[in-house]
C-alpha atoms as a PDB file:
ATOM      1  CA  MET A   1      54.077 125.854-300.659  1.00  0.00           C
ATOM      2  CA  LEU A   2      50.671 124.185-300.654  1.00  0.00           C
ATOM      3  CA  VAL A   3      47.663 126.414-301.245  1.00  0.00           C
ATOM      4  CA  ASP A   4      44.110 125.681-300.081  1.00  0.00           C
ATOM      5  CA  TYR A   5      41.825 126.195-303.074  1.00  0.00           C
ATOM      6  CA  THR A   6      38.039 126.015-303.480  1.00  0.00           C
ATOM      7  CA  GLN A   7      36.226 122.725-303.022  1.00  0.00           C
ATOM      8  CA  GLY A   8      35.017 122.645-306.609  1.00  0.00           C
ATOM      9  CA  ILE A   9      38.323 121.163-307.767  1.00  0.00           C
ATOM     10  CA  ASP A  10      38.725 118.477-305.099  1.00  0.00           C
ATOM     11  CA  LEU A  11      38.254 115.556-307.501  1.00  0.00           C
ATOM     12  CA  HIS A  12      41.210 116.582-309.616  1.00  0.00           C
ATOM     13  CA  PHE A  13      43.422 118.209-306.996  1.00  0.00           C
ATOM     14  CA  ASN A  14      45.222 115.075-305.842  1.00  0.00           C
ATOM     15  CA  ALA A  15      45.910 113.935-309.391  1.00  0.00           C
ATOM     16  CA  ALA A  16      47.246 117.360-310.306  1.00  0.00           C
ATOM     17  CA  ASN A  17      49.555 117.309-307.310  1.00  0.00           C
ATOM     18  CA  PHE A  18      50.800 113.890-308.360  1.00  0.00           C
ATOM     19  CA  TYR A  19      52.005 115.302-311.661  1.00  0.00           C
ATOM     20  CA  PHE A  20      53.478 118.346-309.924  1.00  0.00           C
ATOM     21  CA  ASN A  21      55.365 116.241-307.370  1.00  0.00           C
ATOM     22  CA  ARG A  22      56.566 113.838-310.048  1.00  0.00           C
ATOM     23  CA  GLY A  23      57.859 116.758-312.073  1.00  0.00           C
ATOM     24  CA  ASN A  24      60.153 118.128-309.413  1.00  0.00           C
ATOM     25  CA  PRO A  25      62.592 115.190-309.119  1.00  0.00           C
ATOM     26  CA  LYS A  26      62.816 114.980-312.892  1.00  0.00           C
ATOM     27  CA  SER A  27      63.797 118.614-313.037  1.00  0.00           C
ATOM     28  CA  ASP A  28      66.410 118.000-310.364  1.00  0.00           C
ATOM     29  CA  VAL A  29      68.129 115.379-312.507  1.00  0.00           C
ATOM     30  CA  GLY A  30      68.049 117.513-315.605  1.00  0.00           C
ATOM     31  CA  LYS A  31      64.984 116.059-317.295  1.00  0.00           C
ATOM     32  CA  LYS A  32      63.419 119.468-317.584  1.00  0.00           C
ATOM     33  CA  GLU A  33      61.330 118.711-320.649  1.00  0.00           C
ATOM     34  CA  ASP A  34      59.739 115.732-318.899  1.00  0.00           C
ATOM     35  CA  ALA A  35      59.047 117.928-315.897  1.00  0.00           C
ATOM     36  CA  LEU A  36      57.386 120.430-318.233  1.00  0.00           C
ATOM     37  CA  VAL A  37      55.100 117.712-319.606  1.00  0.00           C
ATOM     38  CA  ASP A  38      54.097 116.751-316.078  1.00  0.00           C
ATOM     39  CA  CYS A  39      53.336 120.361-315.182  1.00  0.00           C
ATOM     40  CA  ASN A  40      51.196 120.650-318.310  1.00  0.00           C
ATOM     41  CA  GLN A  41      49.275 117.580-317.171  1.00  0.00           C
ATOM     42  CA  ALA A  42      48.783 119.078-313.705  1.00  0.00           C
ATOM     43  CA  ILE A  43      47.434 122.326-315.176  1.00  0.00           C
ATOM     44  CA  GLU A  44      45.121 120.433-317.526  1.00  0.00           C
ATOM     45  CA  LEU A  45      43.697 118.545-314.557  1.00  0.00           C
ATOM     46  CA  ASN A  46      43.449 121.661-312.398  1.00  0.00           C
ATOM     47  CA  PRO A  47      43.677 125.034-314.194  1.00  0.00           C
ATOM     48  CA  LYS A  48      43.481 126.802-310.821  1.00  0.00           C
ATOM     49  CA  ASP A  49      46.615 125.208-309.395  1.00  0.00           C
ATOM     50  CA  ALA A  50      48.960 128.139-308.752  1.00  0.00           C
ATOM     51  CA  VAL A  51      51.783 125.817-307.699  1.00  0.00           C
ATOM     52  CA  ALA A  52      51.615 123.951-311.012  1.00  0.00           C
ATOM     53  CA  TYR A  53      52.008 127.223-312.920  1.00  0.00           C
ATOM     54  CA  LEU A  54      54.847 128.160-310.579  1.00  0.00           C
ATOM     55  CA  ASN A  55      56.690 124.930-311.298  1.00  0.00           C
ATOM     56  CA  ARG A  56      56.018 125.091-315.017  1.00  0.00           C
ATOM     57  CA  GLY A  57      57.558 128.535-314.907  1.00  0.00           C
ATOM     58  CA  LEU A  58      60.618 127.071-313.207  1.00  0.00           C
ATOM     59  CA  ALA A  59      60.893 124.355-315.858  1.00  0.00           C
ATOM     60  CA  LYS A  60      60.528 126.839-318.702  1.00  0.00           C
ATOM     61  CA  SER A  61      63.055 129.177-317.142  1.00  0.00           C
ATOM     62  CA  ALA A  62      65.529 126.304-316.799  1.00  0.00           C
ATOM     63  CA  LEU A  63      65.035 125.630-320.504  1.00  0.00           C
ATOM     64  CA  GLY A  64      65.833 129.254-321.308  1.00  0.00           C
ATOM     65  CA  GLN A  65      62.220 130.187-322.030  1.00  0.00           C
ATOM     66  CA  LYS A  66      62.231 133.265-319.803  1.00  0.00           C
ATOM     67  CA  ALA A  67      59.322 135.142-321.402  1.00  0.00           C
ATOM     68  CA  GLU A  68      57.145 132.021-321.269  1.00  0.00           C
ATOM     69  CA  ALA A  69      58.169 131.485-317.657  1.00  0.00           C
ATOM     70  CA  ILE A  70      57.063 135.022-316.800  1.00  0.00           C
ATOM     71  CA  ALA A  71      53.647 134.291-318.303  1.00  0.00           C
ATOM     72  CA  ASP A  72      53.319 131.259-316.014  1.00  0.00           C
ATOM     73  CA  TYR A  73      54.378 133.245-312.962  1.00  0.00           C
ATOM     74  CA  ASP A  74      51.764 135.838-313.944  1.00  0.00           C
ATOM     75  CA  GLN A  75      49.153 133.073-313.931  1.00  0.00           C
ATOM     76  CA  ALA A  76      50.298 131.816-310.539  1.00  0.00           C
ATOM     77  CA  ILE A  77      50.076 135.325-309.101  1.00  0.00           C
ATOM     78  CA  ASP A  78      46.614 135.891-310.614  1.00  0.00           C
ATOM     79  CA  ILE A  79      45.413 132.740-308.851  1.00  0.00           C
ATOM     80  CA  GLU A  80      47.307 133.282-305.603  1.00  0.00           C
ATOM     81  CA  PRO A  81      48.332 136.966-305.237  1.00  0.00           C
ATOM     82  CA  LYS A  82      50.209 136.294-301.996  1.00  0.00           C
ATOM     83  CA  LEU A  83      52.486 133.598-303.414  1.00  0.00           C
ATOM     84  CA  ALA A  84      55.778 135.304-302.578  1.00  0.00           C
ATOM     85  CA  VAL A  85      57.964 132.751-304.354  1.00  0.00           C
ATOM     86  CA  ALA A  86      56.189 133.500-307.648  1.00  0.00           C
ATOM     87  CA  TYR A  87      57.242 137.154-307.416  1.00  0.00           C
ATOM     88  CA  ASN A  88      60.808 136.150-306.586  1.00  0.00           C
ATOM     89  CA  ASN A  89      61.004 133.734-309.515  1.00  0.00           C
ATOM     90  CA  ARG A  90      59.378 136.204-311.885  1.00  0.00           C
ATOM     91  CA  GLY A  91      61.990 138.717-310.781  1.00  0.00           C
ATOM     92  CA  ASN A  92      64.718 136.232-311.707  1.00  0.00           C
ATOM     93  CA  ALA A  93      63.270 135.746-315.176  1.00  0.00           C
ATOM     94  CA  LYS A  94      62.868 139.489-315.711  1.00  0.00           C
ATOM     95  CA  SER A  95      66.402 140.142-314.541  1.00  0.00           C
ATOM     96  CA  ALA A  96      67.700 137.556-317.012  1.00  0.00           C
ATOM     97  CA  LEU A  97      65.895 139.467-319.773  1.00  0.00           C
ATOM     98  CA  GLY A  98      67.496 142.740-318.707  1.00  0.00           C
ATOM     99  CA  LYS A  99      64.351 144.102-317.057  1.00  0.00           C
ATOM    100  CA  LYS A 100      66.238 145.024-313.910  1.00  0.00           C
ATOM    101  CA  THR A 101      63.882 147.670-312.531  1.00  0.00           C
ATOM    102  CA  GLU A 102      60.873 145.382-312.934  1.00  0.00           C
ATOM    103  CA  ALA A 103      62.836 142.568-311.313  1.00  0.00           C
ATOM    104  CA  ILE A 104      63.615 144.724-308.279  1.00  0.00           C
ATOM    105  CA  ALA A 105      59.917 145.568-307.948  1.00  0.00           C
ATOM    106  CA  ASP A 106      59.099 141.852-307.920  1.00  0.00           C
ATOM    107  CA  TYR A 107      61.751 141.065-305.321  1.00  0.00           C
ATOM    108  CA  THR A 108      60.463 143.914-303.169  1.00  0.00           C
ATOM    109  CA  LYS A 109      56.921 142.548-303.418  1.00  0.00           C
ATOM    110  CA  ALA A 110      58.152 139.088-302.443  1.00  0.00           C
ATOM    111  CA  ILE A 111      59.785 140.631-299.371  1.00  0.00           C
ATOM    112  CA  GLU A 112      56.606 142.532-298.487  1.00  0.00           C
ATOM    113  CA  LEU A 113      54.725 139.235-298.557  1.00  0.00           C
ATOM    114  CA  ASN A 114      57.417 137.336-296.674  1.00  0.00           C
ATOM    115  CA  TYR A 115      59.842 139.449-294.649  1.00  0.00           C
ATOM    116  CA  TYR A 116      62.023 136.372-294.030  1.00  0.00           C
ATOM    117  CA  ASN A 117      62.471 135.545-297.729  1.00  0.00           C
ATOM    118  CA  SER A 118      66.278 135.539-297.842  1.00  0.00           C
ATOM    119  CA  ASN A 119      66.271 134.506-301.520  1.00  0.00           C
ATOM    120  CA  ALA A 120      64.445 137.683-302.495  1.00  0.00           C
ATOM    121  CA  TYR A 121      66.905 139.868-300.561  1.00  0.00           C
ATOM    122  CA  TYR A 122      69.798 137.990-302.164  1.00  0.00           C
ATOM    123  CA  ASN A 123      68.426 138.354-305.690  1.00  0.00           C
ATOM    124  CA  ARG A 124      67.548 141.995-305.153  1.00  0.00           C
ATOM    125  CA  GLY A 125      71.096 142.584-303.931  1.00  0.00           C
ATOM    126  CA  LEU A 126      72.522 140.976-307.064  1.00  0.00           C
ATOM    127  CA  THR A 127      70.308 143.086-309.284  1.00  0.00           C
ATOM    128  CA  LYS A 128      71.024 146.330-307.470  1.00  0.00           C
ATOM    129  CA  TYR A 129      74.749 145.625-307.645  1.00  0.00           C
ATOM    130  CA  SER A 130      74.444 145.076-311.412  1.00  0.00           C
ATOM    131  CA  LEU A 131      72.861 148.539-311.631  1.00  0.00           C
ATOM    132  CA  GLY A 132      75.730 150.108-309.718  1.00  0.00           C
ATOM    133  CA  GLU A 133      73.701 150.536-306.522  1.00  0.00           C
ATOM    134  CA  LYS A 134      76.483 149.211-304.286  1.00  0.00           C
ATOM    135  CA  ALA A 135      75.307 150.576-300.925  1.00  0.00           C
ATOM    136  CA  GLU A 136      71.792 149.261-301.503  1.00  0.00           C
ATOM    137  CA  ALA A 137      73.217 145.881-302.490  1.00  0.00           C
ATOM    138  CA  ILE A 138      75.222 145.773-299.250  1.00  0.00           C
ATOM    139  CA  ALA A 139      72.031 146.396-297.272  1.00  0.00           C
ATOM    140  CA  ASP A 140      70.334 143.463-298.989  1.00  0.00           C
ATOM    141  CA  TYR A 141      73.305 141.119-298.509  1.00  0.00           C
ATOM    142  CA  SER A 142      73.398 142.138-294.844  1.00  0.00           C
ATOM    143  CA  LYS A 143      69.755 141.140-294.527  1.00  0.00           C
ATOM    144  CA  VAL A 144      70.524 137.779-296.124  1.00  0.00           C
ATOM    145  CA  ILE A 145      73.277 137.229-293.559  1.00  0.00           C
ATOM    146  CA  GLU A 146      70.920 138.209-290.738  1.00  0.00           C
ATOM    147  CA  LEU A 147      68.393 135.622-291.935  1.00  0.00           C
ATOM    148  CA  SER A 148      70.866 132.982-293.082  1.00  0.00           C
ATOM    149  CA  TYR A 149      74.136 133.359-291.183  1.00  0.00           C
ATOM    150  CA  TYR A 150      75.925 130.562-293.057  1.00  0.00           C
ATOM    151  CA  ASN A 151      75.305 131.952-296.545  1.00  0.00           C
ATOM    152  CA  ALA A 152      78.905 132.171-297.737  1.00  0.00           C
ATOM    153  CA  ASN A 153      77.954 133.770-301.051  1.00  0.00           C
ATOM    154  CA  ALA A 154      76.289 136.680-299.263  1.00  0.00           C
ATOM    155  CA  TYR A 155      79.490 137.433-297.362  1.00  0.00           C
ATOM    156  CA  TYR A 156      81.564 137.163-300.534  1.00  0.00           C
ATOM    157  CA  LEU A 157      79.267 139.442-302.530  1.00  0.00           C
ATOM    158  CA  ARG A 158      79.012 141.942-299.692  1.00  0.00           C
ATOM    159  CA  GLY A 159      82.795 141.962-299.592  1.00  0.00           C
ATOM    160  CA  LEU A 160      82.880 142.663-303.309  1.00  0.00           C
ATOM    161  CA  ALA A 161      80.511 145.621-302.964  1.00  0.00           C
ATOM    162  CA  LYS A 162      82.405 146.986-299.962  1.00  0.00           C
ATOM    163  CA  SER A 163      85.677 146.685-301.839  1.00  0.00           C
ATOM    164  CA  ASP A 164      84.190 148.656-304.730  1.00  0.00           C
ATOM    165  CA  LEU A 165      83.230 151.405-302.275  1.00  0.00           C
ATOM    166  CA  GLY A 166      86.723 151.529-300.799  1.00  0.00           C
ATOM    167  CA  GLN A 167      85.738 149.883-297.518  1.00  0.00           C
ATOM    168  CA  LYS A 168      88.897 147.810-297.433  1.00  0.00           C
ATOM    169  CA  ALA A 169      88.913 146.488-293.866  1.00  0.00           C
ATOM    170  CA  GLU A 170      85.235 145.591-293.962  1.00  0.00           C
ATOM    171  CA  ALA A 171      85.676 143.869-297.330  1.00  0.00           C
ATOM    172  CA  ILE A 172      88.589 141.788-296.029  1.00  0.00           C
ATOM    173  CA  ALA A 173      86.491 140.694-293.041  1.00  0.00           C
ATOM    174  CA  ASP A 174      83.654 139.603-295.330  1.00  0.00           C
ATOM    175  CA  TYR A 175      85.946 137.756-297.716  1.00  0.00           C
ATOM    176  CA  GLN A 176      87.592 135.987-294.777  1.00  0.00           C
ATOM    177  CA  LYS A 177      84.218 134.945-293.365  1.00  0.00           C
ATOM    178  CA  ALA A 178      83.183 133.695-296.807  1.00  0.00           C
ATOM    179  CA  ALA A 179      86.448 131.722-297.052  1.00  0.00           C
ATOM    180  CA  ASP A 180      85.870 130.130-293.651  1.00  0.00           C
ATOM    181  CA  LEU A 181      82.351 129.092-294.604  1.00  0.00           C
ATOM    182  CA  TYR A 182      83.384 127.793-298.036  1.00  0.00           C
ATOM    183  CA  LYS A 183      86.117 125.720-296.379  1.00  0.00           C
ATOM    184  CA  TYR A 184      83.666 124.307-293.852  1.00  0.00           C
ATOM    185  CA  GLN A 185      81.234 123.483-296.671  1.00  0.00           C
ATOM    186  CA  GLY A 186      83.935 121.764-298.709  1.00  0.00           C
ATOM    187  CA  ASN A 187      83.663 124.264-301.563  1.00  0.00           C
ATOM    188  CA  THR A 188      87.330 124.329-302.546  1.00  0.00           C
ATOM    189  CA  SER A 189      87.153 126.542-305.629  1.00  0.00           C
ATOM    190  CA  ASN A 190      85.145 129.284-303.920  1.00  0.00           C
ATOM    191  CA  TYR A 191      87.332 129.006-300.823  1.00  0.00           C
ATOM    192  CA  GLU A 192      90.433 129.607-302.917  1.00  0.00           C
ATOM    193  CA  GLU A 193      88.817 132.566-304.684  1.00  0.00           C
ATOM    194  CA  ALA A 194      87.832 134.177-301.386  1.00  0.00           C
ATOM    195  CA  VAL A 195      91.341 133.657-299.965  1.00  0.00           C
ATOM    196  CA  LYS A 196      92.767 135.273-303.098  1.00  0.00           C
ATOM    197  CA  LYS A 197      90.565 138.326-302.521  1.00  0.00           C
ATOM    198  CA  VAL A 198      91.810 138.595-298.948  1.00  0.00           C
ATOM    199  CA  GLN A 199      95.413 138.381-300.088  1.00  0.00           C
ATOM    200  CA  GLN A 200      94.924 140.942-302.847  1.00  0.00           C
ATOM    201  CA  LEU A 201      93.341 143.516-300.532  1.00  0.00           C
ATOM    202  CA  SER A 202      95.821 142.848-297.730  1.00  0.00           C
ATOM    203  CA  ALA A 203      98.753 143.474-300.088  1.00  0.00           C
ATOM    204  CA  HIS A 204      97.715 147.058-300.805  1.00  0.00           C
END
C-alpha cells in the first residue's frame, strides 16, 4: 500500500522507496537481515515512511523479534492510523507473544478499516479458536470463505471447529471441500490430511 505523505519529504521519498522495494525480494528469499538493513536505510532517509516501518516490522517478526516488530507497527500506525495491514500484522506479533486478547482487538480494527481484509478475519479466527471460542472462529472462517472462496485452509479450519462442536455433517462437507481445493492446488500433504479427516468422521 502506497501512502501519500506531505510534500516536505519529496526529495527523499523516492530513495526511501528504493530501499523498501529492494528489501522485499530479499526477504522473500530468506535474506531477512539484509532486508532489515534496507528498511533501516529507508527510515533514515524518510522517518515518516509508514510503509518502511511496516516492512521493518515484518522483517523483525520473521527474525523472531516480535516485541521489536510491534514497536515498528506502532510507529507505522502513529504515522498512518488507517493502515489496516499494520493492525493485522501487529495482531500476529501479539498473538505469537501470547497476547491473544490484544491481538483480537488489532484484527478487529483492521477489519473496521478494511471490511474486505480476509487475512484479518482468518487470523482472528485462528486466535479465537485458540481461546476456545469455536463458534466465533467459525463465523470468521465463513467470512474468509465469502471473501476468498478458494481458501482451502479456511474450509479445513472451519471443519475442525465444527467437528469440535459436534457438527459432524457440516464438518465433513468442509473437510471435503478443503480436500478438493488442496488437490486442485497440488498440495498433496494437506489433501491427504483433509481426506483422512473425512474418513475418520465418516467412520463414526
